[in-house]
Amino acid sequence: ARTVQFFNENRFSQPLELPEEALAVDRAQLDHTLA
């Protein structure tokens, strides 16, 4: 995950680079793996 964009009803920002890359993950599977 490298970019983020903000929307206020029908207005929006341009795509912005995140200050650092992030990870999108399926939480249910992550918890199961940790268990």
ModelCIF file with pLDDT and N, C-alpha, C, O atoms, coordinates in Angstrom:
data_MODEL
#
_entry.id   MODEL 
#
_entity.id                         1 
_entity.type                       polymer 
_entity.pdbx_number_of_molecules   1 
#
_entity_poly.entity_id                      1 
_entity_poly.type                           'polypeptide(L)' 
_entity_poly.nstd_linkage                   no 
_entity_poly.nstd_monomer                   no 
_entity_poly.pdbx_seq_one_letter_code       ARTVQFFNENRFSQPLELPEEALAVDRAQLDHTLA 
_entity_poly.pdbx_seq_one_letter_code_can   ARTVQFFNENRFSQPLELPEEALAVDRAQLDHTLA 
_entity_poly.pdbx_strand_id                 A 
#
loop_
_entity_poly_seq.entity_id 
_entity_poly_seq.num 
_entity_poly_seq.mon_id 
_entity_poly_seq.hetero 
1 1  ALA n 
1 2  ARG n 
1 3  THR n 
1 4  VAL n 
1 5  GLN n 
1 6  PHE n 
1 7  PHE n 
1 8  ASN n 
1 9  GLU n 
1 10 ASN n 
1 11 ARG n 
1 12 PHE n 
1 13 SER n 
1 14 GLN n 
1 15 PRO n 
1 16 LEU n 
1 17 GLU n 
1 18 LEU n 
1 19 PRO n 
1 20 GLU n 
1 21 GLU n 
1 22 ALA n 
1 23 LEU n 
1 24 ALA n 
1 25 VAL n 
1 26 ASP n 
1 27 ARG n 
1 28 ALA n 
1 29 GLN n 
1 30 LEU n 
1 31 ASP n 
1 32 HIS n 
1 33 THR n 
1 34 LEU n 
1 35 ALA n 
#
_struct_asym.id          A 
_struct_asym.entity_id   1 
#
loop_
_ma_qa_metric.id 
_ma_qa_metric.mode 
_ma_qa_metric.name 
_ma_qa_metric.software_group_id 
_ma_qa_metric.type 
1 global pLDDT . pLDDT 
2 local  pLDDT . pLDDT 
#
_ma_qa_metric_global.metric_id      1 
_ma_qa_metric_global.metric_value   89.69 
_ma_qa_metric_global.model_id       1 
_ma_qa_metric_global.ordinal_id     1 
#
loop_
_ma_qa_metric_local.label_asym_id 
_ma_qa_metric_local.label_comp_id 
_ma_qa_metric_local.label_seq_id 
_ma_qa_metric_local.metric_id 
_ma_qa_metric_local.metric_value 
_ma_qa_metric_local.model_id 
_ma_qa_metric_local.ordinal_id 
A ALA 1  2 88.00 1 1  
A ARG 2  2 91.00 1 2  
A THR 3  2 93.00 1 3  
A VAL 4  2 92.00 1 4  
A GLN 5  2 91.00 1 5  
A PHE 6  2 90.00 1 6  
A PHE 7  2 89.00 1 7  
A ASN 8  2 87.00 1 8  
A GLU 9  2 75.00 1 9  
A ASN 10 2 74.00 1 10 
A ARG 11 2 82.00 1 11 
A PHE 12 2 83.00 1 12 
A SER 13 2 85.00 1 13 
A GLN 14 2 87.00 1 14 
A PRO 15 2 89.00 1 15 
A LEU 16 2 89.00 1 16 
A GLU 17 2 90.00 1 17 
A LEU 18 2 89.00 1 18 
A PRO 19 2 88.00 1 19 
A GLU 20 2 89.00 1 20 
A GLU 21 2 89.00 1 21 
A ALA 22 2 90.00 1 22 
A LEU 23 2 90.00 1 23 
A ALA 24 2 91.00 1 24 
A VAL 25 2 91.00 1 25 
A ASP 26 2 93.00 1 26 
A ARG 27 2 93.00 1 27 
A ALA 28 2 93.00 1 28 
A GLN 29 2 93.00 1 29 
A LEU 30 2 94.00 1 30 
A ASP 31 2 95.00 1 31 
A HIS 32 2 96.00 1 32 
A THR 33 2 96.00 1 33 
A LEU 34 2 97.00 1 34 
A ALA 35 2 97.00 1 35 
#
loop_
_atom_site.group_PDB 
_atom_site.id 
_atom_site.type_symbol 
_atom_site.label_atom_id 
_atom_site.label_alt_id 
_atom_site.label_comp_id 
_atom_site.label_asym_id 
_atom_site.label_entity_id 
_atom_site.label_seq_id 
_atom_site.pdbx_PDB_ins_code 
_atom_site.Cartn_x 
_atom_site.Cartn_y 
_atom_site.Cartn_z 
_atom_site.occupancy 
_atom_site.B_iso_or_equiv 
_atom_site.pdbx_formal_charge 
_atom_site.auth_seq_id 
_atom_site.auth_comp_id 
_atom_site.auth_asym_id 
_atom_site.auth_atom_id 
_atom_site.pdbx_PDB_model_num 
ATOM 1   N N  . ALA A 1 1  ? 0.851   -1.183  0.000  1.00 88.00 ? 1  ALA A N  1 
ATOM 2   C CA . ALA A 1 1  ? 0.000   0.000   0.000  1.00 88.00 ? 1  ALA A CA 1 
ATOM 3   C C  . ALA A 1 1  ? 0.891   1.239   0.000  1.00 88.00 ? 1  ALA A C  1 
ATOM 4   O O  . ALA A 1 1  ? 1.618   1.493   0.961  1.00 88.00 ? 1  ALA A O  1 
ATOM 5   N N  . ARG A 1 2  ? 0.827   2.001   -1.082 1.00 91.00 ? 2  ARG A N  1 
ATOM 6   C CA . ARG A 1 2  ? 1.745   3.134   -1.247 1.00 91.00 ? 2  ARG A CA 1 
ATOM 7   C C  . ARG A 1 2  ? 1.033   4.480   -1.366 1.00 91.00 ? 2  ARG A C  1 
ATOM 8   O O  . ARG A 1 2  ? 1.652   5.521   -1.145 1.00 91.00 ? 2  ARG A O  1 
ATOM 9   N N  . THR A 1 3  ? -0.250  4.478   -1.711 1.00 93.00 ? 3  THR A N  1 
ATOM 10  C CA . THR A 1 3  ? -0.941  5.748   -1.964 1.00 93.00 ? 3  THR A CA 1 
ATOM 11  C C  . THR A 1 3  ? -2.244  5.834   -1.180 1.00 93.00 ? 3  THR A C  1 
ATOM 12  O O  . THR A 1 3  ? -2.851  4.819   -0.837 1.00 93.00 ? 3  THR A O  1 
ATOM 13  N N  . VAL A 1 4  ? -2.660  7.063   -0.904 1.00 92.00 ? 4  VAL A N  1 
ATOM 14  C CA . VAL A 1 4  ? -3.897  7.317   -0.187 1.00 92.00 ? 4  VAL A CA 1 
ATOM 15  C C  . VAL A 1 4  ? -4.607  8.501   -0.834 1.00 92.00 ? 4  VAL A C  1 
ATOM 16  O O  . VAL A 1 4  ? -3.969  9.393   -1.393 1.00 92.00 ? 4  VAL A O  1 
ATOM 17  N N  . GLN A 1 5  ? -5.928  8.497   -0.751 1.00 91.00 ? 5  GLN A N  1 
ATOM 18  C CA . GLN A 1 5  ? -6.714  9.591   -1.295 1.00 91.00 ? 5  GLN A CA 1 
ATOM 19  C C  . GLN A 1 5  ? -7.866  9.887   -0.352 1.00 91.00 ? 5  GLN A C  1 
ATOM 20  O O  . GLN A 1 5  ? -8.436  8.974   0.244  1.00 91.00 ? 5  GLN A O  1 
ATOM 21  N N  . PHE A 1 6  ? -8.217  11.180  -0.214 1.00 90.00 ? 6  PHE A N  1 
ATOM 22  C CA . PHE A 1 6  ? -9.244  11.611  0.720  1.00 90.00 ? 6  PHE A CA 1 
ATOM 23  C C  . PHE A 1 6  ? -10.444 12.182  -0.045 1.00 90.00 ? 6  PHE A C  1 
ATOM 24  O O  . PHE A 1 6  ? -10.288 12.919  -1.018 1.00 90.00 ? 6  PHE A O  1 
ATOM 25  N N  . PHE A 1 7  ? -11.640 11.821  0.422  1.00 89.00 ? 7  PHE A N  1 
ATOM 26  C CA . PHE A 1 7  ? -12.881 12.245  -0.222 1.00 89.00 ? 7  PHE A CA 1 
ATOM 27  C C  . PHE A 1 7  ? -13.798 12.863  0.826  1.00 89.00 ? 7  PHE A C  1 
ATOM 28  O O  . PHE A 1 7  ? -14.035 12.278  1.883  1.00 89.00 ? 7  PHE A O  1 
ATOM 29  N N  . ASN A 1 8  ? -14.307 14.046  0.521  1.00 87.00 ? 8  ASN A N  1 
ATOM 30  C CA . ASN A 1 8  ? -15.273 14.711  1.385  1.00 87.00 ? 8  ASN A CA 1 
ATOM 31  C C  . ASN A 1 8  ? -16.569 14.862  0.597  1.00 87.00 ? 8  ASN A C  1 
ATOM 32  O O  . ASN A 1 8  ? -16.744 15.812  -0.165 1.00 87.00 ? 8  ASN A O  1 
ATOM 33  N N  . GLU A 1 9  ? -17.484 13.891  0.801  1.00 75.00 ? 9  GLU A N  1 
ATOM 34  C CA . GLU A 1 9  ? -18.695 13.811  0.005  1.00 75.00 ? 9  GLU A CA 1 
ATOM 35  C C  . GLU A 1 9  ? -18.300 13.746  -1.478 1.00 75.00 ? 9  GLU A C  1 
ATOM 36  O O  . GLU A 1 9  ? -17.751 12.724  -1.889 1.00 75.00 ? 9  GLU A O  1 
ATOM 37  N N  . ASN A 1 10 ? -18.545 14.774  -2.307 1.00 74.00 ? 10 ASN A N  1 
ATOM 38  C CA . ASN A 1 10 ? -18.223 14.679  -3.728 1.00 74.00 ? 10 ASN A CA 1 
ATOM 39  C C  . ASN A 1 10 ? -16.950 15.441  -4.113 1.00 74.00 ? 10 ASN A C  1 
ATOM 40  O O  . ASN A 1 10 ? -16.678 15.637  -5.297 1.00 74.00 ? 10 ASN A O  1 
ATOM 41  N N  . ARG A 1 11 ? -16.180 15.866  -3.124 1.00 82.00 ? 11 ARG A N  1 
ATOM 42  C CA . ARG A 1 11 ? -14.888 16.499  -3.377 1.00 82.00 ? 11 ARG A CA 1 
ATOM 43  C C  . ARG A 1 11 ? -13.781 15.551  -2.957 1.00 82.00 ? 11 ARG A C  1 
ATOM 44  O O  . ARG A 1 11 ? -13.984 14.684  -2.106 1.00 82.00 ? 11 ARG A O  1 
ATOM 45  N N  . PHE A 1 12 ? -12.605 15.717  -3.556 1.00 83.00 ? 12 PHE A N  1 
ATOM 46  C CA . PHE A 1 12 ? -11.540 14.770  -3.247 1.00 83.00 ? 12 PHE A CA 1 
ATOM 47  C C  . PHE A 1 12 ? -10.171 15.407  -3.467 1.00 83.00 ? 12 PHE A C  1 
ATOM 48  O O  . PHE A 1 12 ? -10.028 16.394  -4.189 1.00 83.00 ? 12 PHE A O  1 
ATOM 49  N N  . SER A 1 13 ? -9.171  14.809  -2.819 1.00 85.00 ? 13 SER A N  1 
ATOM 50  C CA . SER A 1 13 ? -7.788  15.224  -3.000 1.00 85.00 ? 13 SER A CA 1 
ATOM 51  C C  . SER A 1 13 ? -7.175  14.444  -4.151 1.00 85.00 ? 13 SER A C  1 
ATOM 52  O O  . SER A 1 13 ? -7.781  13.503  -4.662 1.00 85.00 ? 13 SER A O  1 
ATOM 53  N N  . GLN A 1 14 ? -5.983  14.831  -4.555 1.00 87.00 ? 14 GLN A N  1 
ATOM 54  C CA . GLN A 1 14 ? -5.241  14.017  -5.505 1.00 87.00 ? 14 GLN A CA 1 
ATOM 55  C C  . GLN A 1 14 ? -4.647  12.809  -4.762 1.00 87.00 ? 14 GLN A C  1 
ATOM 56  O O  . GLN A 1 14 ? -4.500  12.860  -3.541 1.00 87.00 ? 14 GLN A O  1 
ATOM 57  N N  . PRO A 1 15 ? -4.307  11.733  -5.470 1.00 89.00 ? 15 PRO A N  1 
ATOM 58  C CA . PRO A 1 15 ? -3.627  10.622  -4.803 1.00 89.00 ? 15 PRO A CA 1 
ATOM 59  C C  . PRO A 1 15 ? -2.305  11.105  -4.199 1.00 89.00 ? 15 PRO A C  1 
ATOM 60  O O  . PRO A 1 15 ? -1.539  11.818  -4.847 1.00 89.00 ? 15 PRO A O  1 
ATOM 61  N N  . LEU A 1 16 ? -2.052  10.705  -2.949 1.00 89.00 ? 16 LEU A N  1 
ATOM 62  C CA . LEU A 1 16 ? -0.860  11.136  -2.221 1.00 89.00 ? 16 LEU A CA 1 
ATOM 63  C C  . LEU A 1 16 ? -0.033  9.919   -1.847 1.00 89.00 ? 16 LEU A C  1 
ATOM 64  O O  . LEU A 1 16 ? -0.574  8.864   -1.516 1.00 89.00 ? 16 LEU A O  1 
ATOM 65  N N  . GLU A 1 17 ? 1.295   10.077  -1.902 1.00 90.00 ? 17 GLU A N  1 
ATOM 66  C CA . GLU A 1 17 ? 2.186   9.012   -1.475 1.00 90.00 ? 17 GLU A CA 1 
ATOM 67  C C  . GLU A 1 17 ? 2.170   8.913   0.045  1.00 90.00 ? 17 GLU A C  1 
ATOM 68  O O  . GLU A 1 17 ? 2.324   9.921   0.733  1.00 90.00 ? 17 GLU A O  1 
ATOM 69  N N  . LEU A 1 18 ? 1.986   7.706   0.573  1.00 89.00 ? 18 LEU A N  1 
ATOM 70  C CA . LEU A 1 18 ? 2.089   7.510   2.012  1.00 89.00 ? 18 LEU A CA 1 
ATOM 71  C C  . LEU A 1 18 ? 3.526   7.773   2.462  1.00 89.00 ? 18 LEU A C  1 
ATOM 72  O O  . LEU A 1 18 ? 4.462   7.481   1.719  1.00 89.00 ? 18 LEU A O  1 
ATOM 73  N N  . PRO A 1 19 ? 3.716   8.321   3.665  1.00 88.00 ? 19 PRO A N  1 
ATOM 74  C CA . PRO A 1 19 ? 5.072   8.564   4.152  1.00 88.00 ? 19 PRO A CA 1 
ATOM 75  C C  . PRO A 1 19 ? 5.925   7.306   4.222  1.00 88.00 ? 19 PRO A C  1 
ATOM 76  O O  . PRO A 1 19 ? 7.149   7.380   4.111  1.00 88.00 ? 19 PRO A O  1 
ATOM 77  N N  . GLU A 1 20 ? 5.291   6.154   4.403  1.00 89.00 ? 20 GLU A N  1 
ATOM 78  C CA . GLU A 1 20 ? 5.993   4.873   4.296  1.00 89.00 ? 20 GLU A CA 1 
ATOM 79  C C  . GLU A 1 20 ? 4.997   3.827   3.823  1.00 89.00 ? 20 GLU A C  1 
ATOM 80  O O  . GLU A 1 20 ? 3.796   3.948   4.063  1.00 89.00 ? 20 GLU A O  1 
ATOM 81  N N  . GLU A 1 21 ? 5.498   2.806   3.153  1.00 89.00 ? 21 GLU A N  1 
ATOM 82  C CA . GLU A 1 21 ? 4.612   1.769   2.631  1.00 89.00 ? 21 GLU A CA 1 
ATOM 83  C C  . GLU A 1 21 ? 3.955   1.007   3.775  1.00 89.00 ? 21 GLU A C  1 
ATOM 84  O O  . GLU A 1 21 ? 4.544   0.830   4.841  1.00 89.00 ? 21 GLU A O  1 
ATOM 85  N N  . ALA A 1 22 ? 2.745   0.565   3.538  1.00 90.00 ? 22 ALA A N  1 
ATOM 86  C CA . ALA A 1 22 ? 1.978   -0.146  4.553  1.00 90.00 ? 22 ALA A CA 1 
ATOM 87  C C  . ALA A 1 22 ? 1.522   -1.494  3.995  1.00 90.00 ? 22 ALA A C  1 
ATOM 88  O O  . ALA A 1 22 ? 1.673   -1.775  2.806  1.00 90.00 ? 22 ALA A O  1 
ATOM 89  N N  . LEU A 1 23 ? 0.970   -2.307  4.867  1.00 90.00 ? 23 LEU A N  1 
ATOM 90  C CA . LEU A 1 23 ? 0.534   -3.649  4.497  1.00 90.00 ? 23 LEU A CA 1 
ATOM 91  C C  . LEU A 1 23 ? -0.970  -3.781  4.697  1.00 90.00 ? 23 LEU A C  1 
ATOM 92  O O  . LEU A 1 23 ? -1.484  -3.522  5.785  1.00 90.00 ? 23 LEU A O  1 
ATOM 93  N N  . ALA A 1 24 ? -1.664  -4.182  3.651  1.00 91.00 ? 24 ALA A N  1 
ATOM 94  C CA . ALA A 1 24 ? -3.081  -4.534  3.753  1.00 91.00 ? 24 ALA A CA 1 
ATOM 95  C C  . ALA A 1 24 ? -3.168  -6.046  3.931  1.00 91.00 ? 24 ALA A C  1 
ATOM 96  O O  . ALA A 1 24 ? -2.532  -6.798  3.192  1.00 91.00 ? 24 ALA A O  1 
ATOM 97  N N  . VAL A 1 25 ? -3.953  -6.491  4.910  1.00 91.00 ? 25 VAL A N  1 
ATOM 98  C CA . VAL A 1 25 ? -3.947  -7.912  5.258  1.00 91.00 ? 25 VAL A CA 1 
ATOM 99  C C  . VAL A 1 25 ? -5.331  -8.330  5.731  1.00 91.00 ? 25 VAL A C  1 
ATOM 100 O O  . VAL A 1 25 ? -6.043  -7.542  6.354  1.00 91.00 ? 25 VAL A O  1 
ATOM 101 N N  . ASP A 1 26 ? -5.714  -9.568  5.438  1.00 93.00 ? 26 ASP A N  1 
ATOM 102 C CA . ASP A 1 26 ? -6.967  -10.131 5.918  1.00 93.00 ? 26 ASP A CA 1 
ATOM 103 C C  . ASP A 1 26 ? -6.824  -10.403 7.410  1.00 93.00 ? 26 ASP A C  1 
ATOM 104 O O  . ASP A 1 26 ? -6.052  -11.273 7.812  1.00 93.00 ? 26 ASP A O  1 
ATOM 105 N N  . ARG A 1 27 ? -7.565  -9.661  8.234  1.00 93.00 ? 27 ARG A N  1 
ATOM 106 C CA . ARG A 1 27 ? -7.381  -9.745  9.686  1.00 93.00 ? 27 ARG A CA 1 
ATOM 107 C C  . ARG A 1 27 ? -7.736  -11.121 10.246 1.00 93.00 ? 27 ARG A C  1 
ATOM 108 O O  . ARG A 1 27 ? -7.032  -11.619 11.125 1.00 93.00 ? 27 ARG A O  1 
ATOM 109 N N  . ALA A 1 28 ? -8.798  -11.739 9.764  1.00 93.00 ? 28 ALA A N  1 
ATOM 110 C CA . ALA A 1 28 ? -9.198  -13.049 10.272 1.00 93.00 ? 28 ALA A CA 1 
ATOM 111 C C  . ALA A 1 28 ? -8.103  -14.075 10.039 1.00 93.00 ? 28 ALA A C  1 
ATOM 112 O O  . ALA A 1 28 ? -7.796  -14.872 10.926 1.00 93.00 ? 28 ALA A O  1 
ATOM 113 N N  . GLN A 1 29 ? -7.507  -14.060 8.842  1.00 93.00 ? 29 GLN A N  1 
ATOM 114 C CA . GLN A 1 29 ? -6.441  -15.003 8.540  1.00 93.00 ? 29 GLN A CA 1 
ATOM 115 C C  . GLN A 1 29 ? -5.165  -14.685 9.325  1.00 93.00 ? 29 GLN A C  1 
ATOM 116 O O  . GLN A 1 29 ? -4.433  -15.591 9.723  1.00 93.00 ? 29 GLN A O  1 
ATOM 117 N N  . LEU A 1 30 ? -4.905  -13.391 9.544  1.00 94.00 ? 30 LEU A N  1 
ATOM 118 C CA . LEU A 1 30 ? -3.730  -13.010 10.325 1.00 94.00 ? 30 LEU A CA 1 
ATOM 119 C C  . LEU A 1 30 ? -3.844  -13.516 11.755 1.00 94.00 ? 30 LEU A C  1 
ATOM 120 O O  . LEU A 1 30 ? -2.898  -14.105 12.278 1.00 94.00 ? 30 LEU A O  1 
ATOM 121 N N  . ASP A 1 31 ? -4.988  -13.295 12.395 1.00 95.00 ? 31 ASP A N  1 
ATOM 122 C CA . ASP A 1 31 ? -5.180  -13.783 13.760 1.00 95.00 ? 31 ASP A CA 1 
ATOM 123 C C  . ASP A 1 31 ? -5.047  -15.301 13.831 1.00 95.00 ? 31 ASP A C  1 
ATOM 124 O O  . ASP A 1 31 ? -4.444  -15.840 14.759 1.00 95.00 ? 31 ASP A O  1 
ATOM 125 N N  . HIS A 1 32 ? -5.619  -15.985 12.836 1.00 96.00 ? 32 HIS A N  1 
ATOM 126 C CA . HIS A 1 32 ? -5.538  -17.447 12.811 1.00 96.00 ? 32 HIS A CA 1 
ATOM 127 C C  . HIS A 1 32 ? -4.080  -17.911 12.708 1.00 96.00 ? 32 HIS A C  1 
ATOM 128 O O  . HIS A 1 32 ? -3.670  -18.850 13.391 1.00 96.00 ? 32 HIS A O  1 
ATOM 129 N N  . THR A 1 33 ? -3.311  -17.250 11.857 1.00 96.00 ? 33 THR A N  1 
ATOM 130 C CA . THR A 1 33 ? -1.896  -17.597 11.696 1.00 96.00 ? 33 THR A CA 1 
ATOM 131 C C  . THR A 1 33 ? -1.120  -17.360 12.987 1.00 96.00 ? 33 THR A C  1 
ATOM 132 O O  . THR A 1 33 ? -0.280  -18.177 13.367 1.00 96.00 ? 33 THR A O  1 
ATOM 133 N N  . LEU A 1 34 ? -1.398  -16.246 13.663 1.00 97.00 ? 34 LEU A N  1 
ATOM 134 C CA . LEU A 1 34 ? -0.735  -15.951 14.938 1.00 97.00 ? 34 LEU A CA 1 
ATOM 135 C C  . LEU A 1 34 ? -1.134  -16.962 16.013 1.00 97.00 ? 34 LEU A C  1 
ATOM 136 O O  . LEU A 1 34 ? -0.306  -17.345 16.840 1.00 97.00 ? 34 LEU A O  1 
ATOM 137 N N  . ALA A 1 35 ? -2.405  -17.399 16.007 1.00 97.00 ? 35 ALA A N  1 
ATOM 138 C CA . ALA A 1 35 ? -2.851  -18.395 16.982 1.00 97.00 ? 35 ALA A CA 1 
ATOM 139 C C  . ALA A 1 35 ? -2.098  -19.709 16.794 1.00 97.00 ? 35 ALA A C  1 
ATOM 140 O O  . ALA A 1 35 ? -2.339  -20.669 17.527 1.00 97.00 ? 35 ALA A O  1 
#
